[in-house]
C-alpha atoms as a PDB file:
ATOM      1  CA  UNK A   1     115.792  83.005 116.968  1.00  0.00           C
ATOM      2  CA  UNK A   2     114.359  86.216 115.443  1.00  0.00           C
ATOM      3  CA  UNK A   3     110.725  85.185 116.837  1.00  0.00           C
ATOM      4  CA  UNK A   4     111.805  85.113 120.118  1.00  0.00           C
ATOM      5  CA  UNK A   5     113.747  88.184 119.717  1.00  0.00           C
ATOM      6  CA  UNK A   6     110.480  89.681 118.461  1.00  0.00           C
ATOM      7  CA  UNK A   7     108.620  88.470 121.590  1.00  0.00           C
ATOM      8  CA  UNK A   8     111.170  89.947 123.919  1.00  0.00           C
ATOM      9  CA  UNK A   9     110.809  93.439 122.554  1.00  0.00           C
ATOM     10  CA  UNK A  10     107.274  93.269 122.148  1.00  0.00           C
ATOM     11  CA  UNK A  11     106.258  92.236 125.267  1.00  0.00           C
ATOM     12  CA  UNK A  12     104.868  94.808 126.554  1.00  0.00           C
ATOM     13  CA  UNK A  13     104.356  97.638 123.928  1.00  0.00           C
ATOM     14  CA  UNK A  14     101.533  98.642 122.016  1.00  0.00           C
ATOM     15  CA  UNK A  15     101.587  98.221 118.029  1.00  0.00           C
ATOM     16  CA  UNK A  16      99.704 101.418 116.702  1.00  0.00           C
ATOM     17  CA  UNK A  17      98.635 101.047 112.939  1.00  0.00           C
ATOM     18  CA  UNK A  18      99.165 104.363 111.265  1.00  0.00           C
ATOM     19  CA  UNK A  19      97.487 104.765 107.622  1.00  0.00           C
ATOM     20  CA  UNK A  20      97.519 107.061 105.044  1.00  0.00           C
ATOM     21  CA  UNK A  21     100.850 108.319 103.247  1.00  0.00           C
ATOM     22  CA  UNK A  22     103.419 109.958 105.177  1.00  0.00           C
ATOM     23  CA  UNK A  23     104.680 113.611 104.748  1.00  0.00           C
ATOM     24  CA  UNK A  24     107.588 111.991 102.800  1.00  0.00           C
ATOM     25  CA  UNK A  25     105.205 109.994 100.516  1.00  0.00           C
ATOM     26  CA  UNK A  26     103.440 113.081  99.799  1.00  0.00           C
ATOM     27  CA  UNK A  27     106.288 114.810  99.220  1.00  0.00           C
ATOM     28  CA  UNK A  28     107.508 112.162  96.650  1.00  0.00           C
ATOM     29  CA  UNK A  29     104.496 112.200  94.975  1.00  0.00           C
ATOM     30  CA  UNK A  30     104.553 115.800  94.592  1.00  0.00           C
ATOM     31  CA  UNK A  31     108.101 115.868  93.180  1.00  0.00           C
ATOM     32  CA  UNK A  32     106.576 112.861  90.829  1.00  0.00           C
ATOM     33  CA  UNK A  33     103.930 115.140  89.435  1.00  0.00           C
ATOM     34  CA  UNK A  34     106.265 118.238  88.976  1.00  0.00           C
ATOM     35  CA  UNK A  35     109.192 115.803  86.937  1.00  0.00           C
ATOM     36  CA  UNK A  36     106.456 113.478  85.174  1.00  0.00           C
ATOM     37  CA  UNK A  37     102.894 115.527  84.808  1.00  0.00           C
ATOM     38  CA  UNK A  38     101.586 113.143  82.128  1.00  0.00           C
ATOM     39  CA  UNK A  39     102.416 110.285  84.127  1.00  0.00           C
ATOM     40  CA  UNK A  40     101.156 111.288  87.348  1.00  0.00           C
ATOM     41  CA  UNK A  41      97.963 111.982  85.866  1.00  0.00           C
ATOM     42  CA  UNK A  42      97.097 108.490  84.922  1.00  0.00           C
ATOM     43  CA  UNK A  43      98.157 107.382  88.541  1.00  0.00           C
ATOM     44  CA  UNK A  44      95.614 109.874  89.595  1.00  0.00           C
ATOM     45  CA  UNK A  45      93.036 108.643  87.719  1.00  0.00           C
ATOM     46  CA  UNK A  46      93.411 104.874  88.594  1.00  0.00           C
ATOM     47  CA  UNK A  47      93.507 106.050  91.968  1.00  0.00           C
ATOM     48  CA  UNK A  48      90.172 107.688  92.028  1.00  0.00           C
ATOM     49  CA  UNK A  49      88.877 104.597  90.420  1.00  0.00           C
ATOM     50  CA  UNK A  50      90.284 102.727  93.198  1.00  0.00           C
ATOM     51  CA  UNK A  51      88.436 104.545  95.907  1.00  0.00           C
ATOM     52  CA  UNK A  52      85.297 104.684  94.008  1.00  0.00           C
ATOM     53  CA  UNK A  53      84.813 100.986  93.947  1.00  0.00           C
ATOM     54  CA  UNK A  54      86.097  99.997  97.476  1.00  0.00           C
END
């Protein structure tokens, strides 16, 4: 039933995949850094390491 409903809704649609953080996620990250400065450094280091290996 759900598949049929989605098929009807998306029949003539163009699906746009947007990558990257939304403004809400950026704001959340900034607030998180302000609240937990030491934890955010560890997360930033982990993300930088992941970018280098990709």
